[in-house]
Amino acid sequence: MKRRGLSMMVLVLALSLSGARVCYAEDAFTKLGRGVANTFTGWVELPKSVYTKSNEQNAVSGATVGLAEGVGMAIVRTGAGIFDVITFPFPVPEDYKPVLEPEYVF
């Protein structure tokens, strides 16, 4: 009888763990930290894009297309950081998910 009870407990535990959903474990202060980091490091997108585009293609492409992409992404990342700082107490987007992927510039 004891063995059957243990078997049932293991079965219930296995079933409950197999049905568990993956949840996004974020909170307001993580969102605030991400927002502050992105607000102050958004400008790093500029040299990062130039470097990446230069390595993928060539230096001219890095200096032109990479520069344009970097300016755009710097504005977007800084804006997302400001948005996170302003809205950190509220779960917007749902469950404090990041607005941008990757969450940080690096």
PDB file of N, CA and C in Angstrom:
ATOM      1  N   MET A   1       0.824  -1.188   0.000  1.00  0.00           N
ATOM      2  CA  MET A   1       0.000   0.000   0.000  1.00  0.00           C
ATOM      3  C   MET A   1       0.870   1.254   0.000  1.00  0.00           C
ATOM      4  N   LYS A   2       1.939   1.233   0.759  1.00  0.00           N
ATOM      5  CA  LYS A   2       2.838   2.368   0.819  1.00  0.00           C
ATOM      6  C   LYS A   2       3.487   2.623  -0.537  1.00  0.00           C
ATOM      7  N   ARG A   3       3.812   1.554  -1.214  1.00  0.00           N
ATOM      8  CA  ARG A   3       4.452   1.669  -2.516  1.00  0.00           C
ATOM      9  C   ARG A   3       3.500   2.301  -3.526  1.00  0.00           C
ATOM     10  N   ARG A   4       2.226   1.936  -3.449  1.00  0.00           N
ATOM     11  CA  ARG A   4       1.234   2.492  -4.376  1.00  0.00           C
ATOM     12  C   ARG A   4       1.051   3.993  -4.129  1.00  0.00           C
ATOM     13  N   GLY A   5       1.051   4.397  -2.887  1.00  0.00           N
ATOM     14  CA  GLY A   5       0.926   5.816  -2.556  1.00  0.00           C
ATOM     15  C   GLY A   5       2.103   6.625  -3.083  1.00  0.00           C
ATOM     16  N   LEU A   6       3.303   6.057  -2.953  1.00  0.00           N
ATOM     17  CA  LEU A   6       4.500   6.717  -3.466  1.00  0.00           C
ATOM     18  C   LEU A   6       4.455   6.803  -4.992  1.00  0.00           C
ATOM     19  N   SER A   7       4.005   5.726  -5.618  1.00  0.00           N
ATOM     20  CA  SER A   7       3.887   5.723  -7.082  1.00  0.00           C
ATOM     21  C   SER A   7       2.897   6.776  -7.551  1.00  0.00           C
ATOM     22  N   MET A   8       1.774   6.898  -6.850  1.00  0.00           N
ATOM     23  CA  MET A   8       0.770   7.906  -7.207  1.00  0.00           C
ATOM     24  C   MET A   8       1.324   9.314  -7.032  1.00  0.00           C
ATOM     25  N   MET A   9       2.096   9.528  -5.967  1.00  0.00           N
ATOM     26  CA  MET A   9       2.676  10.841  -5.735  1.00  0.00           C
ATOM     27  C   MET A   9       3.665  11.199  -6.840  1.00  0.00           C
ATOM     28  N   VAL A  10       4.483  10.260  -7.243  1.00  0.00           N
ATOM     29  CA  VAL A  10       5.441  10.492  -8.323  1.00  0.00           C
ATOM     30  C   VAL A  10       4.698  10.761  -9.621  1.00  0.00           C
ATOM     31  N   LEU A  11       3.638  10.020  -9.897  1.00  0.00           N
ATOM     32  CA  LEU A  11       2.849  10.218 -11.107  1.00  0.00           C
ATOM     33  C   LEU A  11       2.194  11.595 -11.126  1.00  0.00           C
ATOM     34  N   VAL A  12       1.620  12.013 -10.028  1.00  0.00           N
ATOM     35  CA  VAL A  12       0.985  13.331  -9.942  1.00  0.00           C
ATOM     36  C   VAL A  12       2.033  14.435 -10.114  1.00  0.00           C
ATOM     37  N   LEU A  13       3.171  14.278  -9.501  1.00  0.00           N
ATOM     38  CA  LEU A  13       4.237  15.265  -9.637  1.00  0.00           C
ATOM     39  C   LEU A  13       4.720  15.351 -11.079  1.00  0.00           C
ATOM     40  N   ALA A  14       4.926  14.214 -11.721  1.00  0.00           N
ATOM     41  CA  ALA A  14       5.373  14.200 -13.113  1.00  0.00           C
ATOM     42  C   ALA A  14       4.338  14.842 -14.029  1.00  0.00           C
ATOM     43  N   LEU A  15       3.081  14.545 -13.818  1.00  0.00           N
ATOM     44  CA  LEU A  15       2.033  15.135 -14.647  1.00  0.00           C
ATOM     45  C   LEU A  15       1.910  16.637 -14.434  1.00  0.00           C
ATOM     46  N   SER A  16       2.044  17.070 -13.203  1.00  0.00           N
ATOM     47  CA  SER A  16       1.926  18.510 -12.945  1.00  0.00           C
ATOM     48  C   SER A  16       3.105  19.271 -13.532  1.00  0.00           C
ATOM     49  N   LEU A  17       4.285  18.688 -13.499  1.00  0.00           N
ATOM     50  CA  LEU A  17       5.447  19.361 -14.081  1.00  0.00           C
ATOM     51  C   LEU A  17       5.421  19.336 -15.602  1.00  0.00           C
ATOM     52  N   SER A  18       4.863  18.304 -16.181  1.00  0.00           N
ATOM     53  CA  SER A  18       4.812  18.234 -17.636  1.00  0.00           C
ATOM     54  C   SER A  18       3.808  19.225 -18.206  1.00  0.00           C
ATOM     55  N   GLY A  19       2.838  19.638 -17.432  1.00  0.00           N
ATOM     56  CA  GLY A  19       1.846  20.597 -17.902  1.00  0.00           C
ATOM     57  C   GLY A  19       2.181  22.031 -17.562  1.00  0.00           C
ATOM     58  N   ALA A  20       3.312  22.246 -16.937  1.00  0.00           N
ATOM     59  CA  ALA A  20       3.682  23.600 -16.531  1.00  0.00           C
ATOM     60  C   ALA A  20       4.026  24.442 -17.750  1.00  0.00           C
ATOM     61  N   ARG A  21       3.546  25.653 -17.744  1.00  0.00           N
ATOM     62  CA  ARG A  21       3.858  26.576 -18.834  1.00  0.00           C
ATOM     63  C   ARG A  21       5.144  27.317 -18.522  1.00  0.00           C
ATOM     64  N   VAL A  22       5.832  27.719 -19.572  1.00  0.00           N
ATOM     65  CA  VAL A  22       7.002  28.555 -19.387  1.00  0.00           C
ATOM     66  C   VAL A  22       6.492  29.964 -19.167  1.00  0.00           C
ATOM     67  N   CYS A  23       6.884  30.570 -18.085  1.00  0.00           N
ATOM     68  CA  CYS A  23       6.401  31.918 -17.808  1.00  0.00           C
ATOM     69  C   CYS A  23       7.580  32.894 -17.840  1.00  0.00           C
ATOM     70  N   TYR A  24       7.278  34.119 -18.082  1.00  0.00           N
ATOM     71  CA  TYR A  24       8.286  35.155 -18.167  1.00  0.00           C
ATOM     72  C   TYR A  24       8.471  35.727 -16.776  1.00  0.00           C
ATOM     73  N   ALA A  25       9.577  35.416 -16.151  1.00  0.00           N
ATOM     74  CA  ALA A  25       9.802  35.821 -14.765  1.00  0.00           C
ATOM     75  C   ALA A  25      10.418  37.211 -14.724  1.00  0.00           C
ATOM     76  N   GLU A  26       9.593  38.207 -14.875  1.00  0.00           N
ATOM     77  CA  GLU A  26      10.050  39.586 -14.811  1.00  0.00           C
ATOM     78  C   GLU A  26       9.257  40.296 -13.719  1.00  0.00           C
ATOM     79  N   ASP A  27       9.767  41.417 -13.305  1.00  0.00           N
ATOM     80  CA  ASP A  27       9.032  42.250 -12.373  1.00  0.00           C
ATOM     81  C   ASP A  27       9.300  43.709 -12.713  1.00  0.00           C
ATOM     82  N   ALA A  28       8.673  44.587 -11.979  1.00  0.00           N
ATOM     83  CA  ALA A  28       8.754  46.018 -12.276  1.00  0.00           C
ATOM     84  C   ALA A  28      10.182  46.547 -12.168  1.00  0.00           C
ATOM     85  N   PHE A  29      10.930  46.076 -11.198  1.00  0.00           N
ATOM     86  CA  PHE A  29      12.271  46.619 -11.010  1.00  0.00           C
ATOM     87  C   PHE A  29      13.265  46.092 -12.051  1.00  0.00           C
ATOM     88  N   THR A  30      13.022  44.903 -12.570  1.00  0.00           N
ATOM     89  CA  THR A  30      13.819  44.423 -13.701  1.00  0.00           C
ATOM     90  C   THR A  30      13.551  45.290 -14.921  1.00  0.00           C
ATOM     91  N   LYS A  31      12.276  45.627 -15.115  1.00  0.00           N
ATOM     92  CA  LYS A  31      11.896  46.495 -16.234  1.00  0.00           C
ATOM     93  C   LYS A  31      12.525  47.879 -16.065  1.00  0.00           C
ATOM     94  N   LEU A  32      12.539  48.396 -14.854  1.00  0.00           N
ATOM     95  CA  LEU A  32      13.157  49.700 -14.597  1.00  0.00           C
ATOM     96  C   LEU A  32      14.654  49.657 -14.905  1.00  0.00           C
ATOM     97  N   GLY A  33      15.337  48.617 -14.455  1.00  0.00           N
ATOM     98  CA  GLY A  33      16.764  48.489 -14.725  1.00  0.00           C
ATOM     99  C   GLY A  33      17.064  48.376 -16.209  1.00  0.00           C
ATOM    100  N   ARG A  34      16.242  47.600 -16.913  1.00  0.00           N
ATOM    101  CA  ARG A  34      16.403  47.470 -18.356  1.00  0.00           C
ATOM    102  C   ARG A  34      16.177  48.809 -19.039  1.00  0.00           C
ATOM    103  N   GLY A  35      15.190  49.554 -18.572  1.00  0.00           N
ATOM    104  CA  GLY A  35      14.904  50.861 -19.150  1.00  0.00           C
ATOM    105  C   GLY A  35      16.027  51.856 -18.946  1.00  0.00           C
ATOM    106  N   VAL A  36      16.573  51.885 -17.748  1.00  0.00           N
ATOM    107  CA  VAL A  36      17.690  52.792 -17.461  1.00  0.00           C
ATOM    108  C   VAL A  36      18.899  52.403 -18.300  1.00  0.00           C
ATOM    109  N   ALA A  37      19.194  51.104 -18.371  1.00  0.00           N
ATOM    110  CA  ALA A  37      20.339  50.646 -19.165  1.00  0.00           C
ATOM    111  C   ALA A  37      20.166  51.006 -20.635  1.00  0.00           C
ATOM    112  N   ASN A  38      18.987  50.772 -21.196  1.00  0.00           N
ATOM    113  CA  ASN A  38      18.774  51.076 -22.607  1.00  0.00           C
ATOM    114  C   ASN A  38      18.737  52.576 -22.880  1.00  0.00           C
ATOM    115  N   THR A  39      18.253  53.361 -21.931  1.00  0.00           N
ATOM    116  CA  THR A  39      18.243  54.810 -22.109  1.00  0.00           C
ATOM    117  C   THR A  39      19.663  55.357 -22.204  1.00  0.00           C
ATOM    118  N   PHE A  40      20.545  54.873 -21.338  1.00  0.00           N
ATOM    119  CA  PHE A  40      21.904  55.404 -21.303  1.00  0.00           C
ATOM    120  C   PHE A  40      22.873  54.713 -22.261  1.00  0.00           C
ATOM    121  N   THR A  41      22.538  53.526 -22.757  1.00  0.00           N
ATOM    122  CA  THR A  41      23.447  52.833 -23.674  1.00  0.00           C
ATOM    123  C   THR A  41      22.875  52.689 -25.079  1.00  0.00           C
ATOM    124  N   GLY A  42      21.769  53.348 -25.360  1.00  0.00           N
ATOM    125  CA  GLY A  42      21.186  53.272 -26.697  1.00  0.00           C
ATOM    126  C   GLY A  42      22.124  53.750 -27.784  1.00  0.00           C
ATOM    127  N   TRP A  43      22.960  54.724 -27.476  1.00  0.00           N
ATOM    128  CA  TRP A  43      23.900  55.271 -28.456  1.00  0.00           C
ATOM    129  C   TRP A  43      24.927  54.239 -28.917  1.00  0.00           C
ATOM    130  N   VAL A  44      25.132  53.174 -28.143  1.00  0.00           N
ATOM    131  CA  VAL A  44      26.106  52.150 -28.496  1.00  0.00           C
ATOM    132  C   VAL A  44      25.677  51.385 -29.751  1.00  0.00           C
ATOM    133  N   GLU A  45      24.386  51.459 -30.087  1.00  0.00           N
ATOM    134  CA  GLU A  45      23.911  50.824 -31.318  1.00  0.00           C
ATOM    135  C   GLU A  45      24.624  51.400 -32.544  1.00  0.00           C
ATOM    136  N   LEU A  46      25.023  52.642 -32.496  1.00  0.00           N
ATOM    137  CA  LEU A  46      25.667  53.298 -33.639  1.00  0.00           C
ATOM    138  C   LEU A  46      27.007  52.638 -33.997  1.00  0.00           C
ATOM    139  N   PRO A  47      27.991  52.619 -33.114  1.00  0.00           N
ATOM    140  CA  PRO A  47      29.246  51.953 -33.483  1.00  0.00           C
ATOM    141  C   PRO A  47      29.083  50.446 -33.664  1.00  0.00           C
ATOM    142  N   LYS A  48      28.151  49.842 -32.919  1.00  0.00           N
ATOM    143  CA  LYS A  48      27.916  48.407 -33.053  1.00  0.00           C
ATOM    144  C   LYS A  48      27.440  48.074 -34.466  1.00  0.00           C
ATOM    145  N   SER A  49      26.503  48.850 -34.999  1.00  0.00           N
ATOM    146  CA  SER A  49      25.986  48.602 -36.342  1.00  0.00           C
ATOM    147  C   SER A  49      27.046  48.842 -37.407  1.00  0.00           C
ATOM    148  N   VAL A  50      27.835  49.877 -37.241  1.00  0.00           N
ATOM    149  CA  VAL A  50      28.916  50.151 -38.200  1.00  0.00           C
ATOM    150  C   VAL A  50      29.904  48.991 -38.203  1.00  0.00           C
ATOM    151  N   TYR A  51      30.300  48.539 -37.040  1.00  0.00           N
ATOM    152  CA  TYR A  51      31.248  47.432 -36.923  1.00  0.00           C
ATOM    153  C   TYR A  51      30.675  46.146 -37.527  1.00  0.00           C
ATOM    154  N   THR A  52      29.429  45.824 -37.166  1.00  0.00           N
ATOM    155  CA  THR A  52      28.796  44.605 -37.657  1.00  0.00           C
ATOM    156  C   THR A  52      28.669  44.613 -39.171  1.00  0.00           C
ATOM    157  N   LYS A  53      28.184  45.721 -39.732  1.00  0.00           N
ATOM    158  CA  LYS A  53      27.998  45.820 -41.179  1.00  0.00           C
ATOM    159  C   LYS A  53      29.343  45.784 -41.902  1.00  0.00           C
ATOM    160  N   SER A  54      30.371  46.386 -41.324  1.00  0.00           N
ATOM    161  CA  SER A  54      31.709  46.346 -41.931  1.00  0.00           C
ATOM    162  C   SER A  54      32.254  44.924 -41.980  1.00  0.00           C
ATOM    163  N   ASN A  55      32.023  44.165 -40.929  1.00  0.00           N
ATOM    164  CA  ASN A  55      32.494  42.776 -40.904  1.00  0.00           C
ATOM    165  C   ASN A  55      31.694  41.886 -41.845  1.00  0.00           C
ATOM    166  N   GLU A  56      30.382  42.135 -41.956  1.00  0.00           N
ATOM    167  CA  GLU A  56      29.535  41.314 -42.819  1.00  0.00           C
ATOM    168  C   GLU A  56      29.804  41.593 -44.291  1.00  0.00           C
ATOM    169  N   GLN A  57      29.990  42.858 -44.641  1.00  0.00           N
ATOM    170  CA  GLN A  57      30.142  43.218 -46.053  1.00  0.00           C
ATOM    171  C   GLN A  57      31.503  43.869 -46.298  1.00  0.00           C
ATOM    172  N   ASN A  58      31.568  45.192 -46.169  1.00  0.00           N
ATOM    173  CA  ASN A  58      32.847  45.895 -46.363  1.00  0.00           C
ATOM    174  C   ASN A  58      32.811  47.221 -45.619  1.00  0.00           C
ATOM    175  N   ALA A  59      33.912  47.936 -45.606  1.00  0.00           N
ATOM    176  CA  ALA A  59      34.026  49.174 -44.844  1.00  0.00           C
ATOM    177  C   ALA A  59      33.115  50.279 -45.368  1.00  0.00           C
ATOM    178  N   VAL A  60      32.941  50.340 -46.674  1.00  0.00           N
ATOM    179  CA  VAL A  60      32.063  51.365 -47.257  1.00  0.00           C
ATOM    180  C   VAL A  60      30.619  51.121 -46.824  1.00  0.00           C
ATOM    181  N   SER A  61      30.199  49.869 -46.877  1.00  0.00           N
ATOM    182  CA  SER A  61      28.850  49.524 -46.427  1.00  0.00           C
ATOM    183  C   SER A  61      28.682  49.830 -44.937  1.00  0.00           C
ATOM    184  N   GLY A  62      29.709  49.561 -44.161  1.00  0.00           N
ATOM    185  CA  GLY A  62      29.652  49.865 -42.736  1.00  0.00           C
ATOM    186  C   GLY A  62      29.530  51.353 -42.475  1.00  0.00           C
ATOM    187  N   ALA A  63      30.253  52.147 -43.271  1.00  0.00           N
ATOM    188  CA  ALA A  63      30.243  53.596 -43.073  1.00  0.00           C
ATOM    189  C   ALA A  63      28.947  54.237 -43.572  1.00  0.00           C
ATOM    190  N   THR A  64      28.226  53.591 -44.439  1.00  0.00           N
ATOM    191  CA  THR A  64      26.988  54.179 -44.971  1.00  0.00           C
ATOM    192  C   THR A  64      25.756  53.488 -44.404  1.00  0.00           C
ATOM    193  N   VAL A  65      25.544  52.242 -44.805  1.00  0.00           N
ATOM    194  CA  VAL A  65      24.360  51.505 -44.358  1.00  0.00           C
ATOM    195  C   VAL A  65      24.430  51.246 -42.853  1.00  0.00           C
ATOM    196  N   GLY A  66      25.588  50.847 -42.364  1.00  0.00           N
ATOM    197  CA  GLY A  66      25.748  50.591 -40.934  1.00  0.00           C
ATOM    198  C   GLY A  66      25.502  51.834 -40.099  1.00  0.00           C
ATOM    199  N   LEU A  67      25.970  52.971 -40.606  1.00  0.00           N
ATOM    200  CA  LEU A  67      25.744  54.233 -39.905  1.00  0.00           C
ATOM    201  C   LEU A  67      24.257  54.567 -39.840  1.00  0.00           C
ATOM    202  N   ALA A  68      23.559  54.411 -40.972  1.00  0.00           N
ATOM    203  CA  ALA A  68      22.128  54.703 -41.005  1.00  0.00           C
ATOM    204  C   ALA A  68      21.349  53.752 -40.087  1.00  0.00           C
ATOM    205  N   GLU A  69      21.668  52.459 -40.157  1.00  0.00           N
ATOM    206  CA  GLU A  69      21.003  51.491 -39.272  1.00  0.00           C
ATOM    207  C   GLU A  69      21.305  51.788 -37.806  1.00  0.00           C
ATOM    208  N   GLY A  70      22.535  52.178 -37.518  1.00  0.00           N
ATOM    209  CA  GLY A  70      22.932  52.476 -36.148  1.00  0.00           C
ATOM    210  C   GLY A  70      22.200  53.673 -35.578  1.00  0.00           C
ATOM    211  N   VAL A  71      22.036  54.718 -36.393  1.00  0.00           N
ATOM    212  CA  VAL A  71      21.292  55.894 -35.932  1.00  0.00           C
ATOM    213  C   VAL A  71      19.849  55.511 -35.632  1.00  0.00           C
ATOM    214  N   GLY A  72      19.253  54.745 -36.544  1.00  0.00           N
ATOM    215  CA  GLY A  72      17.870  54.317 -36.336  1.00  0.00           C
ATOM    216  C   GLY A  72      17.691  53.463 -35.099  1.00  0.00           C
ATOM    217  N   MET A  73      18.578  52.488 -34.931  1.00  0.00           N
ATOM    218  CA  MET A  73      18.475  51.605 -33.766  1.00  0.00           C
ATOM    219  C   MET A  73      18.812  52.323 -32.465  1.00  0.00           C
ATOM    220  N   ALA A  74      19.699  53.307 -32.514  1.00  0.00           N
ATOM    221  CA  ALA A  74      20.014  54.084 -31.309  1.00  0.00           C
ATOM    222  C   ALA A  74      18.769  54.851 -30.844  1.00  0.00           C
ATOM    223  N   ILE A  75      18.052  55.420 -31.802  1.00  0.00           N
ATOM    224  CA  ILE A  75      16.822  56.147 -31.460  1.00  0.00           C
ATOM    225  C   ILE A  75      15.776  55.183 -30.905  1.00  0.00           C
ATOM    226  N   VAL A  76      15.619  54.036 -31.567  1.00  0.00           N
ATOM    227  CA  VAL A  76      14.620  53.051 -31.125  1.00  0.00           C
ATOM    228  C   VAL A  76      14.964  52.509 -29.744  1.00  0.00           C
ATOM    229  N   ARG A  77      16.228  52.145 -29.521  1.00  0.00           N
ATOM    230  CA  ARG A  77      16.624  51.564 -28.227  1.00  0.00           C
ATOM    231  C   ARG A  77      16.497  52.596 -27.102  1.00  0.00           C
ATOM    232  N   THR A  78      16.893  53.835 -27.357  1.00  0.00           N
ATOM    233  CA  THR A  78      16.759  54.877 -26.340  1.00  0.00           C
ATOM    234  C   THR A  78      15.281  55.138 -26.042  1.00  0.00           C
ATOM    235  N   GLY A  79      14.467  55.166 -27.090  1.00  0.00           N
ATOM    236  CA  GLY A  79      13.022  55.354 -26.896  1.00  0.00           C
ATOM    237  C   GLY A  79      12.397  54.215 -26.115  1.00  0.00           C
ATOM    238  N   ALA A  80      12.808  52.986 -26.407  1.00  0.00           N
ATOM    239  CA  ALA A  80      12.295  51.835 -25.658  1.00  0.00           C
ATOM    240  C   ALA A  80      12.728  51.912 -24.201  1.00  0.00           C
ATOM    241  N   GLY A  81      13.941  52.392 -23.959  1.00  0.00           N
ATOM    242  CA  GLY A  81      14.406  52.559 -22.585  1.00  0.00           C
ATOM    243  C   GLY A  81      13.590  53.592 -21.828  1.00  0.00           C
ATOM    244  N   ILE A  82      13.308  54.714 -22.477  1.00  0.00           N
ATOM    245  CA  ILE A  82      12.488  55.753 -21.848  1.00  0.00           C
ATOM    246  C   ILE A  82      11.084  55.219 -21.572  1.00  0.00           C
ATOM    247  N   PHE A  83      10.533  54.465 -22.531  1.00  0.00           N
ATOM    248  CA  PHE A  83       9.215  53.856 -22.348  1.00  0.00           C
ATOM    249  C   PHE A  83       9.215  52.925 -21.136  1.00  0.00           C
ATOM    250  N   ASP A  84      10.252  52.086 -21.006  1.00  0.00           N
ATOM    251  CA  ASP A  84      10.339  51.169 -19.866  1.00  0.00           C
ATOM    252  C   ASP A  84      10.461  51.919 -18.545  1.00  0.00           C
ATOM    253  N   VAL A  85      11.222  53.008 -18.527  1.00  0.00           N
ATOM    254  CA  VAL A  85      11.386  53.781 -17.284  1.00  0.00           C
ATOM    255  C   VAL A  85      10.056  54.416 -16.873  1.00  0.00           C
ATOM    256  N   ILE A  86       9.346  54.980 -17.837  1.00  0.00           N
ATOM    257  CA  ILE A  86       8.071  55.645 -17.525  1.00  0.00           C
ATOM    258  C   ILE A  86       7.001  54.653 -17.100  1.00  0.00           C
ATOM    259  N   THR A  87       6.965  53.489 -17.747  1.00  0.00           N
ATOM    260  CA  THR A  87       5.883  52.531 -17.487  1.00  0.00           C
ATOM    261  C   THR A  87       6.294  51.372 -16.589  1.00  0.00           C
ATOM    262  N   PHE A  88       7.423  51.474 -15.891  1.00  0.00           N
ATOM    263  CA  PHE A  88       7.899  50.331 -15.118  1.00  0.00           C
ATOM    264  C   PHE A  88       6.928  49.814 -14.063  1.00  0.00           C
ATOM    265  N   PRO A  89       6.080  50.638 -13.432  1.00  0.00           N
ATOM    266  CA  PRO A  89       5.179  50.061 -12.426  1.00  0.00           C
ATOM    267  C   PRO A  89       4.035  49.239 -13.031  1.00  0.00           C
ATOM    268  N   PHE A  90       3.827  49.337 -14.315  1.00  0.00           N
ATOM    269  CA  PHE A  90       2.691  48.687 -14.952  1.00  0.00           C
ATOM    270  C   PHE A  90       3.159  47.527 -15.830  1.00  0.00           C
ATOM    271  N   PRO A  91       2.421  46.419 -15.844  1.00  0.00           N
ATOM    272  CA  PRO A  91       2.828  45.265 -16.662  1.00  0.00           C
ATOM    273  C   PRO A  91       2.476  45.453 -18.145  1.00  0.00           C
ATOM    274  N   VAL A  92       3.030  46.501 -18.746  1.00  0.00           N
ATOM    275  CA  VAL A  92       2.793  46.800 -20.156  1.00  0.00           C
ATOM    276  C   VAL A  92       4.137  46.775 -20.858  1.00  0.00           C
ATOM    277  N   PRO A  93       4.402  46.000 -21.878  1.00  0.00           N
ATOM    278  CA  PRO A  93       3.588  44.911 -22.405  1.00  0.00           C
ATOM    279  C   PRO A  93       3.374  43.827 -21.346  1.00  0.00           C
ATOM    280  N   GLU A  94       2.528  42.887 -21.661  1.00  0.00           N
ATOM    281  CA  GLU A  94       2.105  41.866 -20.709  1.00  0.00           C
ATOM    282  C   GLU A  94       3.284  41.199 -20.007  1.00  0.00           C
ATOM    283  N   ASP A  95       3.162  41.061 -18.700  1.00  0.00           N
ATOM    284  CA  ASP A  95       4.171  40.405 -17.848  1.00  0.00           C
ATOM    285  C   ASP A  95       5.542  41.074 -17.901  1.00  0.00           C
ATOM    286  N   TYR A  96       5.581  42.369 -18.146  1.00  0.00           N
ATOM    287  CA  TYR A  96       6.825  43.146 -18.168  1.00  0.00           C
ATOM    288  C   TYR A  96       7.806  42.659 -19.231  1.00  0.00           C
ATOM    289  N   LYS A  97       7.310  42.096 -20.313  1.00  0.00           N
ATOM    290  CA  LYS A  97       8.185  41.611 -21.389  1.00  0.00           C
ATOM    291  C   LYS A  97       8.928  42.785 -22.012  1.00  0.00           C
ATOM    292  N   PRO A  98      10.112  42.529 -22.556  1.00  0.00           N
ATOM    293  CA  PRO A  98      10.862  43.617 -23.191  1.00  0.00           C
ATOM    294  C   PRO A  98      10.215  44.072 -24.490  1.00  0.00           C
ATOM    295  N   VAL A  99      10.355  45.344 -24.798  1.00  0.00           N
ATOM    296  CA  VAL A  99       9.828  45.911 -26.037  1.00  0.00           C
ATOM    297  C   VAL A  99      10.704  45.480 -27.206  1.00  0.00           C
ATOM    298  N   LEU A 100      12.016  45.399 -26.982  1.00  0.00           N
ATOM    299  CA  LEU A 100      12.984  45.030 -28.021  1.00  0.00           C
ATOM    300  C   LEU A 100      13.634  43.693 -27.711  1.00  0.00           C
ATOM    301  N   GLU A 101      14.013  43.007 -28.759  1.00  0.00           N
ATOM    302  CA  GLU A 101      14.838  41.806 -28.634  1.00  0.00           C
ATOM    303  C   GLU A 101      16.105  42.045 -29.435  1.00  0.00           C
ATOM    304  N   PRO A 102      17.262  41.839 -28.917  1.00  0.00           N
ATOM    305  CA  PRO A 102      17.591  41.472 -27.554  1.00  0.00           C
ATOM    306  C   PRO A 102      17.287  42.609 -26.577  1.00  0.00           C
ATOM    307  N   GLU A 103      17.134  42.246 -25.324  1.00  0.00           N
ATOM    308  CA  GLU A 103      16.751  43.227 -24.300  1.00  0.00           C
ATOM    309  C   GLU A 103      17.755  44.356 -24.171  1.00  0.00           C
ATOM    310  N   TYR A 104      19.018  44.036 -24.290  1.00  0.00           N
ATOM    311  CA  TYR A 104      20.089  45.011 -24.098  1.00  0.00           C
ATOM    312  C   TYR A 104      20.928  45.117 -25.364  1.00  0.00           C
ATOM    313  N   VAL A 105      21.681  46.179 -25.482  1.00  0.00           N
ATOM    314  CA  VAL A 105      22.469  46.407 -26.678  1.00  0.00           C
ATOM    315  C   VAL A 105      23.554  45.347 -26.867  1.00  0.00           C
ATOM    316  N   PHE A 106      24.074  44.787 -25.777  1.00  0.00           N
ATOM    317  CA  PHE A 106      25.144  43.781 -25.879  1.00  0.00           C
ATOM    318  C   PHE A 106      24.587  42.399 -25.769  1.00  0.00           C
TER     319      PHE A 106
END
